[in-house]
C-alpha atoms as a PDB file:
ATOM      1  CA  UNK A   1       4.912  17.024   6.882  1.00  0.00           C
ATOM      2  CA  UNK A   2       2.358  15.973   4.204  1.00  0.00           C
ATOM      3  CA  UNK A   3       1.433  18.503   1.566  1.00  0.00           C
ATOM      4  CA  UNK A   4      -1.971  17.778   0.335  1.00  0.00           C
ATOM      5  CA  UNK A   5      -2.408  20.756  -2.215  1.00  0.00           C
ATOM      6  CA  UNK A   6      -2.460  18.993  -5.595  1.00  0.00           C
ATOM      7  CA  UNK A   7      -2.461  15.297  -4.222  1.00  0.00           C
ATOM      8  CA  UNK A   8      -3.517  12.907  -6.865  1.00  0.00           C
ATOM      9  CA  UNK A   9      -4.323   9.264  -5.989  1.00  0.00           C
ATOM     10  CA  UNK A  10      -2.495   7.133  -8.183  1.00  0.00           C
ATOM     11  CA  UNK A  11      -5.040   4.366  -8.431  1.00  0.00           C
ATOM     12  CA  UNK A  12      -6.406   2.242 -11.285  1.00  0.00           C
ATOM     13  CA  UNK A  13     -10.036   2.007 -10.458  1.00  0.00           C
ATOM     14  CA  UNK A  14     -10.305  -1.160 -12.742  1.00  0.00           C
ATOM     15  CA  UNK A  15     -13.368  -0.168 -14.740  1.00  0.00           C
ATOM     16  CA  UNK A  16     -14.668   2.812 -16.486  1.00  0.00           C
ATOM     17  CA  UNK A  17     -16.249   5.805 -14.692  1.00  0.00           C
ATOM     18  CA  UNK A  18     -19.608   4.894 -15.938  1.00  0.00           C
ATOM     19  CA  UNK A  19     -19.468   1.182 -14.404  1.00  0.00           C
ATOM     20  CA  UNK A  20     -18.114   2.698 -11.159  1.00  0.00           C
ATOM     21  CA  UNK A  21     -21.143   5.203 -11.009  1.00  0.00           C
ATOM     22  CA  UNK A  22     -23.658   2.453 -11.879  1.00  0.00           C
ATOM     23  CA  UNK A  23     -22.080   0.377  -8.999  1.00  0.00           C
ATOM     24  CA  UNK A  24     -22.329   3.244  -6.508  1.00  0.00           C
ATOM     25  CA  UNK A  25     -25.926   3.621  -7.235  1.00  0.00           C
ATOM     26  CA  UNK A  26     -26.683  -0.047  -7.074  1.00  0.00           C
ATOM     27  CA  UNK A  27     -24.760  -0.361  -3.914  1.00  0.00           C
ATOM     28  CA  UNK A  28     -26.685   2.435  -2.402  1.00  0.00           C
ATOM     29  CA  UNK A  29     -30.042   0.674  -3.073  1.00  0.00           C
ATOM     30  CA  UNK A  30     -29.379  -2.898  -2.855  1.00  0.00           C
ATOM     31  CA  UNK A  31     -26.548  -3.017   0.161  1.00  0.00           C
ATOM     32  CA  UNK A  32     -26.668   0.126   2.018  1.00  0.00           C
ATOM     33  CA  UNK A  33     -30.246   0.780   2.735  1.00  0.00           C
ATOM     34  CA  UNK A  34     -31.699  -1.230   5.373  1.00  0.00           C
ATOM     35  CA  UNK A  35     -33.920  -3.189   3.094  1.00  0.00           C
ATOM     36  CA  UNK A  36     -34.193  -6.915   3.740  1.00  0.00           C
ATOM     37  CA  UNK A  37     -32.985  -7.930   0.209  1.00  0.00           C
ATOM     38  CA  UNK A  38     -32.362 -11.738  -0.069  1.00  0.00           C
ATOM     39  CA  UNK A  39     -28.564 -12.756  -0.045  1.00  0.00           C
ATOM     40  CA  UNK A  40     -28.925 -14.372  -3.413  1.00  0.00           C
ATOM     41  CA  UNK A  41     -30.007 -11.269  -5.074  1.00  0.00           C
ATOM     42  CA  UNK A  42     -26.926  -9.401  -3.588  1.00  0.00           C
ATOM     43  CA  UNK A  43     -24.749 -12.219  -4.705  1.00  0.00           C
ATOM     44  CA  UNK A  44     -25.996 -12.045  -8.142  1.00  0.00           C
ATOM     45  CA  UNK A  45     -25.617  -8.359  -8.310  1.00  0.00           C
ATOM     46  CA  UNK A  46     -22.000  -8.605  -7.139  1.00  0.00           C
ATOM     47  CA  UNK A  47     -21.418 -11.166  -9.937  1.00  0.00           C
ATOM     48  CA  UNK A  48     -22.813  -8.714 -12.470  1.00  0.00           C
ATOM     49  CA  UNK A  49     -20.098  -6.270 -11.363  1.00  0.00           C
ATOM     50  CA  UNK A  50     -17.224  -8.706 -11.471  1.00  0.00           C
ATOM     51  CA  UNK A  51     -17.055 -10.194  -8.070  1.00  0.00           C
ATOM     52  CA  UNK A  52     -16.338 -13.957  -7.873  1.00  0.00           C
ATOM     53  CA  UNK A  53     -19.033 -15.368  -5.437  1.00  0.00           C
ATOM     54  CA  UNK A  54     -19.376 -18.938  -4.183  1.00  0.00           C
ATOM     55  CA  UNK A  55     -22.527 -20.704  -3.324  1.00  0.00           C
ATOM     56  CA  UNK A  56     -24.307 -20.422   0.049  1.00  0.00           C
ATOM     57  CA  UNK A  57     -23.038 -16.817   0.685  1.00  0.00           C
ATOM     58  CA  UNK A  58     -25.041 -14.780   3.172  1.00  0.00           C
ATOM     59  CA  UNK A  59     -24.489 -10.786   2.671  1.00  0.00           C
ATOM     60  CA  UNK A  60     -26.547  -8.914   5.444  1.00  0.00           C
ATOM     61  CA  UNK A  61     -27.620  -5.381   4.932  1.00  0.00           C
ATOM     62  CA  UNK A  62     -25.249  -2.421   5.325  1.00  0.00           C
ATOM     63  CA  UNK A  63     -22.310  -3.937   3.718  1.00  0.00           C
ATOM     64  CA  UNK A  64     -19.968  -1.625   1.790  1.00  0.00           C
ATOM     65  CA  UNK A  65     -17.705  -2.921  -0.880  1.00  0.00           C
ATOM     66  CA  UNK A  66     -15.877  -0.290  -2.698  1.00  0.00           C
ATOM     67  CA  UNK A  67     -14.935  -2.126  -5.918  1.00  0.00           C
ATOM     68  CA  UNK A  68     -16.573  -5.620  -6.273  1.00  0.00           C
ATOM     69  CA  UNK A  69     -14.492  -6.415  -9.273  1.00  0.00           C
ATOM     70  CA  UNK A  70     -11.663  -6.942  -6.899  1.00  0.00           C
ATOM     71  CA  UNK A  71     -13.618  -9.328  -4.441  1.00  0.00           C
ATOM     72  CA  UNK A  72     -13.426 -13.222  -4.341  1.00  0.00           C
ATOM     73  CA  UNK A  73     -15.696 -14.934  -2.077  1.00  0.00           C
ATOM     74  CA  UNK A  74     -15.652 -18.713  -1.386  1.00  0.00           C
ATOM     75  CA  UNK A  75     -18.634 -21.057  -0.601  1.00  0.00           C
ATOM     76  CA  UNK A  76     -20.579 -20.688   2.527  1.00  0.00           C
ATOM     77  CA  UNK A  77     -19.209 -17.254   3.677  1.00  0.00           C
ATOM     78  CA  UNK A  78     -21.284 -15.015   6.203  1.00  0.00           C
ATOM     79  CA  UNK A  79     -20.757 -11.192   5.815  1.00  0.00           C
ATOM     80  CA  UNK A  80     -22.567  -9.431   8.605  1.00  0.00           C
ATOM     81  CA  UNK A  81     -24.301  -6.071   9.072  1.00  0.00           C
ATOM     82  CA  UNK A  82     -22.192  -3.055   8.572  1.00  0.00           C
ATOM     83  CA  UNK A  83     -19.143  -4.879   7.230  1.00  0.00           C
ATOM     84  CA  UNK A  84     -16.890  -2.576   5.086  1.00  0.00           C
ATOM     85  CA  UNK A  85     -14.650  -3.856   2.281  1.00  0.00           C
ATOM     86  CA  UNK A  86     -12.510  -1.292   0.957  1.00  0.00           C
ATOM     87  CA  UNK A  87     -11.169  -3.186  -2.118  1.00  0.00           C
ATOM     88  CA  UNK A  88      -8.552  -0.952  -3.572  1.00  0.00           C
ATOM     89  CA  UNK A  89      -6.710  -4.033  -4.018  1.00  0.00           C
ATOM     90  CA  UNK A  90      -7.856  -7.622  -4.323  1.00  0.00           C
ATOM     91  CA  UNK A  91      -9.812  -9.053  -1.265  1.00  0.00           C
ATOM     92  CA  UNK A  92     -10.055 -12.940  -0.989  1.00  0.00           C
ATOM     93  CA  UNK A  93     -12.242 -14.516   1.584  1.00  0.00           C
ATOM     94  CA  UNK A  94     -12.072 -18.197   1.285  1.00  0.00           C
ATOM     95  CA  UNK A  95     -14.883 -20.924   2.189  1.00  0.00           C
ATOM     96  CA  UNK A  96     -16.509 -21.403   5.398  1.00  0.00           C
ATOM     97  CA  UNK A  97     -15.572 -18.136   6.936  1.00  0.00           C
ATOM     98  CA  UNK A  98     -17.498 -15.409   8.802  1.00  0.00           C
ATOM     99  CA  UNK A  99     -17.076 -11.700   8.757  1.00  0.00           C
ATOM    100  CA  UNK A 100     -18.849 -10.244  11.651  1.00  0.00           C
ATOM    101  CA  UNK A 101     -20.801  -7.110  12.185  1.00  0.00           C
ATOM    102  CA  UNK A 102     -18.852  -3.890  11.521  1.00  0.00           C
ATOM    103  CA  UNK A 103     -15.277  -5.492  10.602  1.00  0.00           C
ATOM    104  CA  UNK A 104     -13.290  -3.415   8.215  1.00  0.00           C
ATOM    105  CA  UNK A 105     -11.268  -4.954   5.486  1.00  0.00           C
ATOM    106  CA  UNK A 106      -8.720  -2.079   4.385  1.00  0.00           C
ATOM    107  CA  UNK A 107      -6.463  -2.515   1.347  1.00  0.00           C
ATOM    108  CA  UNK A 108      -5.358   0.894   1.217  1.00  0.00           C
ATOM    109  CA  UNK A 109      -3.269   3.300   3.135  1.00  0.00           C
ATOM    110  CA  UNK A 110      -0.841   6.284   2.541  1.00  0.00           C
ATOM    111  CA  UNK A 111       2.969   6.878   3.028  1.00  0.00           C
ATOM    112  CA  UNK A 112       2.857   9.398   5.904  1.00  0.00           C
ATOM    113  CA  UNK A 113       6.596   9.710   5.720  1.00  0.00           C
ATOM    114  CA  UNK A 114       6.433  11.401   2.478  1.00  0.00           C
ATOM    115  CA  UNK A 115       5.151  14.958   1.762  1.00  0.00           C
ATOM    116  CA  UNK A 116       3.204  13.483  -1.386  1.00  0.00           C
ATOM    117  CA  UNK A 117       1.186  11.314   0.831  1.00  0.00           C
ATOM    118  CA  UNK A 118       1.382   8.502  -1.722  1.00  0.00           C
ATOM    119  CA  UNK A 119      -1.278   5.938  -1.830  1.00  0.00           C
ATOM    120  CA  UNK A 120      -0.309   2.206  -1.156  1.00  0.00           C
ATOM    121  CA  UNK A 121      -2.473  -0.738  -1.775  1.00  0.00           C
ATOM    122  CA  UNK A 122      -2.095  -4.380  -0.791  1.00  0.00           C
ATOM    123  CA  UNK A 123      -4.341  -7.254  -1.108  1.00  0.00           C
ATOM    124  CA  UNK A 124      -6.013  -9.036   2.031  1.00  0.00           C
ATOM    125  CA  UNK A 125      -6.447 -12.803   1.973  1.00  0.00           C
ATOM    126  CA  UNK A 126      -8.485 -14.661   4.742  1.00  0.00           C
ATOM    127  CA  UNK A 127      -8.196 -18.190   4.420  1.00  0.00           C
ATOM    128  CA  UNK A 128     -10.858 -21.136   4.922  1.00  0.00           C
ATOM    129  CA  UNK A 129     -12.395 -21.453   8.239  1.00  0.00           C
ATOM    130  CA  UNK A 130     -11.645 -18.056   9.818  1.00  0.00           C
ATOM    131  CA  UNK A 131     -13.825 -16.004  11.921  1.00  0.00           C
ATOM    132  CA  UNK A 132     -13.099 -12.179  11.832  1.00  0.00           C
ATOM    133  CA  UNK A 133     -15.270 -11.070  14.631  1.00  0.00           C
ATOM    134  CA  UNK A 134     -17.223  -7.792  15.128  1.00  0.00           C
ATOM    135  CA  UNK A 135     -15.331  -4.655  14.642  1.00  0.00           C
ATOM    136  CA  UNK A 136     -12.062  -6.013  13.732  1.00  0.00           C
ATOM    137  CA  UNK A 137      -9.808  -3.922  11.630  1.00  0.00           C
ATOM    138  CA  UNK A 138      -7.705  -5.976   9.028  1.00  0.00           C
ATOM    139  CA  UNK A 139      -4.808  -3.888   7.432  1.00  0.00           C
ATOM    140  CA  UNK A 140      -3.550  -3.815   4.015  1.00  0.00           C
ATOM    141  CA  UNK A 141      -1.471  -6.879   2.887  1.00  0.00           C
ATOM    142  CA  UNK A 142      -2.536  -9.124   5.753  1.00  0.00           C
ATOM    143  CA  UNK A 143      -3.365 -12.826   5.408  1.00  0.00           C
ATOM    144  CA  UNK A 144      -5.271 -14.542   8.118  1.00  0.00           C
ATOM    145  CA  UNK A 145      -4.281 -18.176   8.144  1.00  0.00           C
ATOM    146  CA  UNK A 146      -6.737 -20.852   7.982  1.00  0.00           C
ATOM    147  CA  UNK A 147      -8.944 -21.821  10.999  1.00  0.00           C
ATOM    148  CA  UNK A 148      -7.917 -18.766  12.711  1.00  0.00           C
ATOM    149  CA  UNK A 149     -10.016 -16.309  14.997  1.00  0.00           C
ATOM    150  CA  UNK A 150      -9.500 -12.511  15.352  1.00  0.00           C
ATOM    151  CA  UNK A 151     -11.231 -11.505  18.516  1.00  0.00           C
ATOM    152  CA  UNK A 152     -13.895  -8.589  18.552  1.00  0.00           C
ATOM    153  CA  UNK A 153     -12.364  -5.131  18.263  1.00  0.00           C
ATOM    154  CA  UNK A 154      -8.879  -6.343  17.320  1.00  0.00           C
ATOM    155  CA  UNK A 155      -6.425  -4.589  14.924  1.00  0.00           C
ATOM    156  CA  UNK A 156      -4.876  -6.928  12.577  1.00  0.00           C
ATOM    157  CA  UNK A 157      -1.601  -5.373  11.344  1.00  0.00           C
ATOM    158  CA  UNK A 158       0.337  -8.659  10.578  1.00  0.00           C
ATOM    159  CA  UNK A 159      -0.239 -12.075   9.247  1.00  0.00           C
ATOM    160  CA  UNK A 160      -2.123 -14.230  11.476  1.00  0.00           C
ATOM    161  CA  UNK A 161      -0.687 -17.959  11.656  1.00  0.00           C
ATOM    162  CA  UNK A 162      -2.899 -21.019  11.090  1.00  0.00           C
ATOM    163  CA  UNK A 163      -5.126 -22.275  13.886  1.00  0.00           C
ATOM    164  CA  UNK A 164      -4.495 -19.177  15.909  1.00  0.00           C
ATOM    165  CA  UNK A 165      -6.786 -16.902  18.070  1.00  0.00           C
ATOM    166  CA  UNK A 166      -5.385 -13.091  18.102  1.00  0.00           C
ATOM    167  CA  UNK A 167      -6.644 -10.340  20.366  1.00  0.00           C
ATOM    168  CA  UNK A 168      -6.126  -6.771  20.976  1.00  0.00           C
ATOM    169  CA  UNK A 169      -4.659  -3.535  19.479  1.00  0.00           C
ATOM    170  CA  UNK A 170      -2.261  -4.344  17.919  1.00  0.00           C
ATOM    171  CA  UNK A 171      -3.537  -7.880  17.671  1.00  0.00           C
ATOM    172  CA  UNK A 172      -1.332 -10.475  19.290  1.00  0.00           C
ATOM    173  CA  UNK A 173      -1.687 -14.190  19.851  1.00  0.00           C
ATOM    174  CA  UNK A 174      -3.933 -15.210  22.686  1.00  0.00           C
ATOM    175  CA  UNK A 175      -2.177 -17.426  25.286  1.00  0.00           C
ATOM    176  CA  UNK A 176      -4.214 -20.367  26.468  1.00  0.00           C
ATOM    177  CA  UNK A 177      -4.414 -20.499  30.454  1.00  0.00           C
END
């Protein structure tokens, strides 16, 4: 049984509270409002907050990135409307990758088996040439191998091998018919 009274997240936020507050305000205006800001402006803003962003990156409206200073994005990446990136640990998205609408990349969870409900963070890596389709959930610590696809609505709890399509909840390798 978890005991949340007195819970304290043991998380190094990576920047000062003032920088984080500035990011939260900037994120609200430039990312979360349904305003058609050009992607190059969003990319420039992310770089100002420490993200490593390649060239030719498209970031649509409604994208929520918790800590951009922990985000690395390669060249020619598309990040669709409503994508959420909970970057409590590093998130690496390699080149020529598409993260479709409302996908959720989640680097944090909790130890439900402990009464202290300890926070656990693990990085996510999405290798080159992947497609994380609409409404996929990618769990902490997952690496998606190059040239792989995670089918719509899938829950990715384990690493995905290269050149593979996974589907379902929990995701499993799709068998070709």
